[in-house]
Amino acid sequence: MFRVWLAVVSAIAVLFVVTLSAALFWAAETVNRNFEAYRHAAAAYERYERLAHESYRYFKSEIERLTVDQLKPLHTQSIDRERLMEALQQLREAALTQAENHPENRDELFRLAKLGAFLNDSRYQFEDIEQLRKKGQDAAAREQLTHYSAQRIDLEFQPLIDEALREHRERAAKAQAEVDSLIDRSRWLAILDGTAATLISLYGGVLLSRRLSRSIRALMTGTQQIADGNLAARVQLSG
C-alpha cells in the first residue's frame, strides 16, 4: 500500500511540473505574438506620424507659395513632396508585408490607397489654383485655396491620418496590456504550481520517512529480542 501511495504522490508531482512547463510554454508563445503585434503597431504609428509631419510641411509650403504676393513657380519634384511620397511608400511596403501574413489587415491598404489618391489629386488642385493666379484672378484663387484647405484637407485627408494614428496607438496599447497581463498570470501560475508541487513532494517525503522509521524500529525490536535469547523472534517488515 505504501508503494502505491508513493507512486501516486510522485505521479501528481510530475503532473504538476509538466502542467507548469506546458503553461509557461503557452504563455511564452502568446507573449511573443503580442510583442510582435505591439512592435508592428508601434512601427506603423511612427510611420503615420512621419506621413502626418511630411504632409503638413508639403501643404504648408504649397499654401504659402500660392498666397504670397509674387507667385513662385510650381516645382515638379519639390523636396517636400518627395519626402511626403517617400513616407507614403514606406507605409505601403509595410502594409503589403502585413497583408501577406495577416489578411485581416487589408483595410490598411484601402486607407493608404485613399491617401495616395488624395495626394495625387492635390497636385492638380494646386496647379489649378496656380493657373488662376497667373490669370490675375487672385480672389478666386484664394477662395478656391481656402475651400480646398478647409473642406478637403481638414475634413477628408486629416481624419484619415488621425484615424490611422488612433487605431495603431490602440493596437499597441492593447498588445502591451496583453503582454503585461500574461506575465502576471504566468508569475502567479508558476508560484501556485510550484507551491503545490513542493507540498506534494513534502507529503511524499513524510510518507517515506514514516515508513522507513517503522521499518527501522521493527528491525531494532527484533534484533533486541534475538539478543535477549528469543531465537524464535521474527522481524515483520511490510512492503
C-alpha atoms as a PDB file:
ATOM      1  CA  MET A   1       0.000   0.000   0.000  1.00  0.00           C
ATOM      2  CA  PHE A   2       2.840   2.328   0.817  1.00  0.00           C
ATOM      3  CA  ARG A   3       4.352   1.865  -2.599  1.00  0.00           C
ATOM      4  CA  VAL A   4       1.028   2.704  -4.201  1.00  0.00           C
ATOM      5  CA  TRP A   5       0.753   5.919  -2.199  1.00  0.00           C
ATOM      6  CA  LEU A   6       4.327   6.864  -3.027  1.00  0.00           C
ATOM      7  CA  ALA A   7       3.723   6.226  -6.727  1.00  0.00           C
ATOM      8  CA  VAL A   8       0.541   8.335  -6.669  1.00  0.00           C
ATOM      9  CA  VAL A   9       2.282  11.218  -4.925  1.00  0.00           C
ATOM     10  CA  SER A  10       5.206  11.071  -7.358  1.00  0.00           C
ATOM     11  CA  ALA A  11       2.856  10.971 -10.361  1.00  0.00           C
ATOM     12  CA  ILE A  12       0.944  14.008  -9.091  1.00  0.00           C
ATOM     13  CA  ALA A  13       4.180  15.923  -8.539  1.00  0.00           C
ATOM     14  CA  VAL A  14       5.363  15.086 -12.064  1.00  0.00           C
ATOM     15  CA  LEU A  15       1.952  16.097 -13.433  1.00  0.00           C
ATOM     16  CA  PHE A  16       2.218  19.490 -11.760  1.00  0.00           C
ATOM     17  CA  VAL A  17       5.693  20.021 -13.204  1.00  0.00           C
ATOM     18  CA  VAL A  18       4.547  19.030 -16.710  1.00  0.00           C
ATOM     19  CA  THR A  19       1.474  21.274 -16.422  1.00  0.00           C
ATOM     20  CA  LEU A  20       3.618  24.172 -15.296  1.00  0.00           C
ATOM     21  CA  SER A  21       6.037  23.649 -18.181  1.00  0.00           C
ATOM     22  CA  ALA A  22       3.198  23.493 -20.722  1.00  0.00           C
ATOM     23  CA  ALA A  23       1.519  26.592 -19.280  1.00  0.00           C
ATOM     24  CA  LEU A  24       4.750  28.567 -19.298  1.00  0.00           C
ATOM     25  CA  PHE A  25       5.474  27.486 -22.879  1.00  0.00           C
ATOM     26  CA  TRP A  26       1.997  28.614 -23.978  1.00  0.00           C
ATOM     27  CA  ALA A  27       2.419  31.902 -22.136  1.00  0.00           C
ATOM     28  CA  ALA A  28       5.813  32.499 -23.749  1.00  0.00           C
ATOM     29  CA  GLU A  29       4.382  31.879 -27.232  1.00  0.00           C
ATOM     30  CA  THR A  30       1.425  34.171 -26.542  1.00  0.00           C
ATOM     31  CA  VAL A  31       3.692  36.890 -25.155  1.00  0.00           C
ATOM     32  CA  ASN A  32       5.861  36.616 -28.266  1.00  0.00           C
ATOM     33  CA  ARG A  33       2.831  37.013 -30.566  1.00  0.00           C
ATOM     34  CA  ASN A  34       1.563  40.006 -28.630  1.00  0.00           C
ATOM     35  CA  PHE A  35       5.014  41.553 -28.576  1.00  0.00           C
ATOM     36  CA  GLU A  36       5.199  41.208 -32.360  1.00  0.00           C
ATOM     37  CA  ALA A  37       1.765  42.830 -32.633  1.00  0.00           C
ATOM     38  CA  TYR A  38       2.965  45.665 -30.385  1.00  0.00           C
ATOM     39  CA  ARG A  39       6.131  46.106 -32.424  1.00  0.00           C
ATOM     40  CA  HIS A  40       4.231  46.275 -35.730  1.00  0.00           C
ATOM     41  CA  ALA A  41       1.624  48.669 -34.329  1.00  0.00           C
ATOM     42  CA  ALA A  42       4.286  50.943 -32.834  1.00  0.00           C
ATOM     43  CA  ALA A  43       6.246  50.951 -36.099  1.00  0.00           C
ATOM     44  CA  ALA A  44       3.095  51.737 -38.105  1.00  0.00           C
ATOM     45  CA  TYR A  45       2.272  54.544 -35.684  1.00  0.00           C
ATOM     46  CA  GLU A  46       5.725  56.061 -36.204  1.00  0.00           C
ATOM     47  CA  ARG A  47       5.370  55.813 -39.996  1.00  0.00           C
ATOM     48  CA  TYR A  48       1.979  57.533 -39.889  1.00  0.00           C
ATOM     49  CA  GLU A  49       3.432  60.222 -37.658  1.00  0.00           C
ATOM     50  CA  ARG A  50       6.104  60.826 -40.265  1.00  0.00           C
ATOM     51  CA  LEU A  51       3.446  60.923 -43.004  1.00  0.00           C
ATOM     52  CA  ALA A  52       1.450  63.460 -40.991  1.00  0.00           C
ATOM     53  CA  HIS A  53       4.565  65.576 -40.464  1.00  0.00           C
ATOM     54  CA  GLU A  54       5.604  65.468 -44.115  1.00  0.00           C
ATOM     55  CA  SER A  55       2.085  66.170 -45.356  1.00  0.00           C
ATOM     56  CA  TYR A  56       1.859  69.179 -43.052  1.00  0.00           C
ATOM     57  CA  ARG A  57       5.134  70.534 -44.444  1.00  0.00           C
ATOM     58  CA  TYR A  58       4.029  69.892 -48.019  1.00  0.00           C
ATOM     59  CA  PHE A  59       0.599  71.515 -47.714  1.00  0.00           C
ATOM     60  CA  LYS A  60       2.036  74.418 -45.738  1.00  0.00           C
ATOM     61  CA  SER A  61       4.718  75.114 -48.343  1.00  0.00           C
ATOM     62  CA  GLU A  62       2.193  74.932 -51.210  1.00  0.00           C
ATOM     63  CA  ILE A  63      -0.333  77.183 -49.491  1.00  0.00           C
ATOM     64  CA  GLU A  64       2.377  79.717 -48.659  1.00  0.00           C
ATOM     65  CA  ARG A  65       3.635  79.605 -52.233  1.00  0.00           C
ATOM     66  CA  LEU A  66       0.170  80.272 -53.613  1.00  0.00           C
ATOM     67  CA  THR A  67      -0.678  83.073 -51.196  1.00  0.00           C
ATOM     68  CA  VAL A  68       2.435  85.255 -51.446  1.00  0.00           C
ATOM     69  CA  ASP A  69       2.218  88.458 -53.413  1.00  0.00           C
ATOM     70  CA  GLN A  70       4.684  87.283 -56.039  1.00  0.00           C
ATOM     71  CA  LEU A  71       3.728  83.801 -57.220  1.00  0.00           C
ATOM     72  CA  LYS A  72       6.567  81.297 -57.194  1.00  0.00           C
ATOM     73  CA  PRO A  73       6.613  78.623 -59.910  1.00  0.00           C
ATOM     74  CA  LEU A  74       5.470  75.107 -59.041  1.00  0.00           C
ATOM     75  CA  HIS A  75       8.396  72.683 -58.894  1.00  0.00           C
ATOM     76  CA  THR A  76       7.614  69.344 -60.491  1.00  0.00           C
ATOM     77  CA  GLN A  77       9.609  67.497 -57.822  1.00  0.00           C
ATOM     78  CA  SER A  78       9.782  69.623 -54.694  1.00  0.00           C
ATOM     79  CA  ILE A  79      11.754  68.315 -51.721  1.00  0.00           C
ATOM     80  CA  ASP A  80       8.674  68.437 -49.516  1.00  0.00           C
ATOM     81  CA  ARG A  81       6.645  66.364 -51.946  1.00  0.00           C
ATOM     82  CA  GLU A  82       9.487  63.863 -52.414  1.00  0.00           C
ATOM     83  CA  ARG A  83       9.685  63.325 -48.664  1.00  0.00           C
ATOM     84  CA  LEU A  84       5.919  63.007 -48.460  1.00  0.00           C
ATOM     85  CA  MET A  85       5.731  60.371 -51.202  1.00  0.00           C
ATOM     86  CA  GLU A  86       8.686  58.517 -49.659  1.00  0.00           C
ATOM     87  CA  ALA A  87       6.830  58.344 -46.316  1.00  0.00           C
ATOM     88  CA  LEU A  88       3.714  57.089 -48.113  1.00  0.00           C
ATOM     89  CA  GLN A  89       5.737  54.451 -49.971  1.00  0.00           C
ATOM     90  CA  GLN A  90       7.215  53.141 -46.724  1.00  0.00           C
ATOM     91  CA  LEU A  91       3.705  52.730 -45.348  1.00  0.00           C
ATOM     92  CA  ARG A  92       2.594  50.892 -48.489  1.00  0.00           C
ATOM     93  CA  GLU A  93       5.501  48.445 -48.361  1.00  0.00           C
ATOM     94  CA  ALA A  94       4.927  47.700 -44.680  1.00  0.00           C
ATOM     95  CA  ALA A  95       1.172  47.287 -45.245  1.00  0.00           C
ATOM     96  CA  LEU A  96       1.748  44.874 -48.138  1.00  0.00           C
ATOM     97  CA  THR A  97       4.038  42.754 -45.988  1.00  0.00           C
ATOM     98  CA  GLN A  98       1.487  42.736 -43.187  1.00  0.00           C
ATOM     99  CA  ALA A  99      -1.371  41.890 -45.561  1.00  0.00           C
ATOM    100  CA  GLU A 100       0.505  38.798 -46.780  1.00  0.00           C
ATOM    101  CA  ASN A 101       0.829  37.463 -43.230  1.00  0.00           C
ATOM    102  CA  HIS A 102      -2.419  38.880 -41.833  1.00  0.00           C
ATOM    103  CA  PRO A 103      -5.177  39.096 -44.475  1.00  0.00           C
ATOM    104  CA  GLU A 104      -7.496  40.744 -41.941  1.00  0.00           C
ATOM    105  CA  ASN A 105      -5.289  43.863 -42.100  1.00  0.00           C
ATOM    106  CA  ARG A 106      -6.014  44.556 -45.766  1.00  0.00           C
ATOM    107  CA  ASP A 107      -8.155  47.541 -44.776  1.00  0.00           C
ATOM    108  CA  GLU A 108      -4.858  49.316 -44.248  1.00  0.00           C
ATOM    109  CA  LEU A 109      -4.164  49.069 -47.985  1.00  0.00           C
ATOM    110  CA  PHE A 110      -7.551  50.630 -48.762  1.00  0.00           C
ATOM    111  CA  ARG A 111      -6.806  53.547 -46.438  1.00  0.00           C
ATOM    112  CA  LEU A 112      -3.376  54.061 -47.995  1.00  0.00           C
ATOM    113  CA  ALA A 113      -4.943  53.970 -51.464  1.00  0.00           C
ATOM    114  CA  LYS A 114      -7.275  56.792 -50.415  1.00  0.00           C
ATOM    115  CA  LEU A 115      -4.371  58.780 -49.003  1.00  0.00           C
ATOM    116  CA  GLY A 116      -2.342  58.265 -52.175  1.00  0.00           C
ATOM    117  CA  ALA A 117      -5.258  59.283 -54.382  1.00  0.00           C
ATOM    118  CA  PHE A 118      -5.787  62.433 -52.307  1.00  0.00           C
ATOM    119  CA  LEU A 119      -2.121  63.412 -52.527  1.00  0.00           C
ATOM    120  CA  ASN A 120      -2.068  62.843 -56.278  1.00  0.00           C
ATOM    121  CA  ASP A 121      -5.203  64.943 -56.646  1.00  0.00           C
ATOM    122  CA  SER A 122      -3.672  67.701 -54.521  1.00  0.00           C
ATOM    123  CA  ARG A 123      -1.071  68.343 -57.213  1.00  0.00           C
ATOM    124  CA  TYR A 124      -3.807  69.055 -59.768  1.00  0.00           C
ATOM    125  CA  GLN A 125      -5.704  71.199 -57.279  1.00  0.00           C
ATOM    126  CA  PHE A 126      -2.657  73.342 -56.620  1.00  0.00           C
ATOM    127  CA  GLU A 127      -1.951  73.582 -60.351  1.00  0.00           C
ATOM    128  CA  ASP A 128      -5.498  74.833 -60.992  1.00  0.00           C
ATOM    129  CA  ILE A 129      -5.106  77.453 -58.268  1.00  0.00           C
ATOM    130  CA  GLU A 130      -1.767  78.478 -59.740  1.00  0.00           C
ATOM    131  CA  GLN A 131      -3.386  78.962 -63.146  1.00  0.00           C
ATOM    132  CA  LEU A 132      -5.973  81.270 -61.580  1.00  0.00           C
ATOM    133  CA  ARG A 133      -3.153  83.330 -60.049  1.00  0.00           C
ATOM    134  CA  LYS A 134      -1.378  83.548 -63.392  1.00  0.00           C
ATOM    135  CA  LYS A 135      -4.591  84.815 -65.000  1.00  0.00           C
ATOM    136  CA  GLY A 136      -4.787  87.537 -62.388  1.00  0.00           C
ATOM    137  CA  GLN A 137      -7.805  86.014 -60.627  1.00  0.00           C
ATOM    138  CA  ASP A 138      -6.264  86.269 -57.179  1.00  0.00           C
ATOM    139  CA  ALA A 139      -9.581  86.470 -55.324  1.00  0.00           C
ATOM    140  CA  ALA A 140     -10.892  83.319 -56.997  1.00  0.00           C
ATOM    141  CA  ALA A 141      -7.567  81.577 -56.364  1.00  0.00           C
ATOM    142  CA  ARG A 142      -7.643  82.433 -52.668  1.00  0.00           C
ATOM    143  CA  GLU A 143     -11.276  81.359 -52.369  1.00  0.00           C
ATOM    144  CA  GLN A 144     -10.552  78.013 -54.047  1.00  0.00           C
ATOM    145  CA  LEU A 145      -7.452  77.503 -51.908  1.00  0.00           C
ATOM    146  CA  THR A 146      -9.372  78.296 -48.720  1.00  0.00           C
ATOM    147  CA  HIS A 147     -12.147  75.891 -49.715  1.00  0.00           C
ATOM    148  CA  TYR A 148      -9.650  73.139 -50.576  1.00  0.00           C
ATOM    149  CA  SER A 149      -7.786  73.603 -47.296  1.00  0.00           C
ATOM    150  CA  ALA A 150     -10.902  73.696 -45.112  1.00  0.00           C
ATOM    151  CA  GLN A 151     -13.101  71.169 -46.888  1.00  0.00           C
ATOM    152  CA  ARG A 152     -10.690  68.684 -48.401  1.00  0.00           C
ATOM    153  CA  ILE A 153      -7.503  68.730 -46.317  1.00  0.00           C
ATOM    154  CA  ASP A 154      -9.133  69.299 -42.913  1.00  0.00           C
ATOM    155  CA  LEU A 155     -12.251  67.189 -43.448  1.00  0.00           C
ATOM    156  CA  GLU A 156     -11.012  64.380 -45.712  1.00  0.00           C
ATOM    157  CA  PHE A 157      -7.254  63.953 -45.528  1.00  0.00           C
ATOM    158  CA  GLN A 158      -6.560  64.781 -41.873  1.00  0.00           C
ATOM    159  CA  PRO A 159      -9.294  62.457 -40.484  1.00  0.00           C
ATOM    160  CA  LEU A 160      -7.685  59.537 -42.341  1.00  0.00           C
ATOM    161  CA  ILE A 161      -4.348  60.272 -40.667  1.00  0.00           C
ATOM    162  CA  ASP A 162      -5.964  60.754 -37.250  1.00  0.00           C
ATOM    163  CA  GLU A 163      -7.920  57.512 -37.598  1.00  0.00           C
ATOM    164  CA  ALA A 164      -4.774  55.564 -38.503  1.00  0.00           C
ATOM    165  CA  LEU A 165      -2.808  57.057 -35.609  1.00  0.00           C
ATOM    166  CA  ARG A 166      -5.602  56.297 -33.143  1.00  0.00           C
ATOM    167  CA  GLU A 167      -6.050  52.748 -34.440  1.00  0.00           C
ATOM    168  CA  HIS A 168      -2.368  51.820 -34.239  1.00  0.00           C
ATOM    169  CA  ARG A 169      -1.977  53.525 -30.876  1.00  0.00           C
ATOM    170  CA  GLU A 170      -4.872  51.436 -29.526  1.00  0.00           C
ATOM    171  CA  ARG A 171      -3.414  48.264 -31.066  1.00  0.00           C
ATOM    172  CA  ALA A 172      -0.054  48.909 -29.438  1.00  0.00           C
ATOM    173  CA  ALA A 173      -1.677  49.659 -26.075  1.00  0.00           C
ATOM    174  CA  LYS A 174      -3.838  46.528 -26.284  1.00  0.00           C
ATOM    175  CA  ALA A 175      -0.882  44.294 -27.170  1.00  0.00           C
ATOM    176  CA  GLN A 176       1.187  45.811 -24.345  1.00  0.00           C
ATOM    177  CA  ALA A 177      -1.657  45.237 -21.881  1.00  0.00           C
ATOM    178  CA  GLU A 178      -1.952  41.601 -23.031  1.00  0.00           C
ATOM    179  CA  VAL A 179       1.773  41.074 -22.537  1.00  0.00           C
ATOM    180  CA  ASP A 180       1.670  42.573 -19.033  1.00  0.00           C
ATOM    181  CA  SER A 181      -1.400  40.514 -18.128  1.00  0.00           C
ATOM    182  CA  LEU A 182       0.133  37.259 -19.384  1.00  0.00           C
ATOM    183  CA  ILE A 183       3.352  37.908 -17.493  1.00  0.00           C
ATOM    184  CA  ASP A 184       1.395  38.487 -14.276  1.00  0.00           C
ATOM    185  CA  ARG A 185      -0.736  35.360 -14.788  1.00  0.00           C
ATOM    186  CA  SER A 186       2.323  33.273 -15.606  1.00  0.00           C
ATOM    187  CA  ARG A 187       4.078  34.513 -12.477  1.00  0.00           C
ATOM    188  CA  TRP A 188       1.136  33.553 -10.245  1.00  0.00           C
ATOM    189  CA  LEU A 189       0.699  30.248 -12.061  1.00  0.00           C
ATOM    190  CA  ALA A 190       4.347  29.406 -11.505  1.00  0.00           C
ATOM    191  CA  ILE A 191       4.078  30.318  -7.821  1.00  0.00           C
ATOM    192  CA  LEU A 192       0.900  28.288  -7.250  1.00  0.00           C
ATOM    193  CA  ASP A 193       2.040  25.313  -9.277  1.00  0.00           C
ATOM    194  CA  GLY A 194       5.477  25.319  -7.645  1.00  0.00           C
ATOM    195  CA  THR A 195       3.935  25.595  -4.188  1.00  0.00           C
ATOM    196  CA  ALA A 196       1.546  22.697  -4.885  1.00  0.00           C
ATOM    197  CA  ALA A 197       4.366  20.546  -6.263  1.00  0.00           C
ATOM    198  CA  THR A 198       6.507  21.356  -3.215  1.00  0.00           C
ATOM    199  CA  LEU A 199       3.719  20.441  -0.783  1.00  0.00           C
ATOM    200  CA  ILE A 200       3.037  17.181  -2.582  1.00  0.00           C
ATOM    201  CA  SER A 201       6.751  16.342  -2.582  1.00  0.00           C
ATOM    202  CA  LEU A 202       6.939  17.096   1.134  1.00  0.00           C
ATOM    203  CA  TYR A 203       3.922  14.878   1.745  1.00  0.00           C
ATOM    204  CA  GLY A 204       5.623  12.078  -0.166  1.00  0.00           C
ATOM    205  CA  GLY A 205       8.786  12.624   1.850  1.00  0.00           C
ATOM    206  CA  VAL A 206       6.818  12.427   5.098  1.00  0.00           C
ATOM    207  CA  LEU A 207       5.211   9.149   3.990  1.00  0.00           C
ATOM    208  CA  LEU A 208       8.596   7.724   3.068  1.00  0.00           C
ATOM    209  CA  SER A 209      10.141   8.906   6.337  1.00  0.00           C
ATOM    210  CA  ARG A 210       7.363   7.337   8.433  1.00  0.00           C
ATOM    211  CA  ARG A 211       7.607   4.079   6.514  1.00  0.00           C
ATOM    212  CA  LEU A 212      11.366   3.904   6.988  1.00  0.00           C
ATOM    213  CA  SER A 213      11.057   4.799  10.680  1.00  0.00           C
ATOM    214  CA  ARG A 214       8.577   1.978  11.301  1.00  0.00           C
ATOM    215  CA  SER A 215      10.791  -0.494   9.470  1.00  0.00           C
ATOM    216  CA  ILE A 216      13.880   0.554  11.417  1.00  0.00           C
ATOM    217  CA  ARG A 217      12.025   0.355  14.747  1.00  0.00           C
ATOM    218  CA  ALA A 218      10.698  -3.119  13.869  1.00  0.00           C
ATOM    219  CA  LEU A 219      14.191  -4.232  12.893  1.00  0.00           C
ATOM    220  CA  MET A 220      15.699  -2.887  16.119  1.00  0.00           C
ATOM    221  CA  THR A 221      12.959  -4.540  18.211  1.00  0.00           C
ATOM    222  CA  GLY A 222      13.524  -7.915  16.530  1.00  0.00           C
ATOM    223  CA  THR A 223      17.291  -7.629  16.894  1.00  0.00           C
ATOM    224  CA  GLN A 224      16.918  -6.845  20.606  1.00  0.00           C
ATOM    225  CA  GLN A 225      14.637  -9.838  21.124  1.00  0.00           C
ATOM    226  CA  ILE A 226      17.137 -12.144  19.461  1.00  0.00           C
ATOM    227  CA  ALA A 227      19.943 -10.644  21.566  1.00  0.00           C
ATOM    228  CA  ASP A 228      17.866 -11.374  24.681  1.00  0.00           C
ATOM    229  CA  GLY A 229      17.764 -15.034  23.741  1.00  0.00           C
ATOM    230  CA  ASN A 230      14.426 -15.215  21.965  1.00  0.00           C
ATOM    231  CA  LEU A 231      15.619 -17.113  18.896  1.00  0.00           C
ATOM    232  CA  ALA A 232      12.074 -17.582  17.701  1.00  0.00           C
ATOM    233  CA  ALA A 233      11.619 -13.847  17.256  1.00  0.00           C
ATOM    234  CA  ARG A 234      10.946 -12.667  13.702  1.00  0.00           C
ATOM    235  CA  VAL A 235      11.105  -9.215  12.154  1.00  0.00           C
ATOM    236  CA  GLN A 236       7.953  -8.451  10.170  1.00  0.00           C
ATOM    237  CA  LEU A 237       8.550  -5.761   7.529  1.00  0.00           C
ATOM    238  CA  SER A 238       5.565  -4.715   5.465  1.00  0.00           C
ATOM    239  CA  GLY A 239       6.322  -3.983   1.828  1.00  0.00           C
END
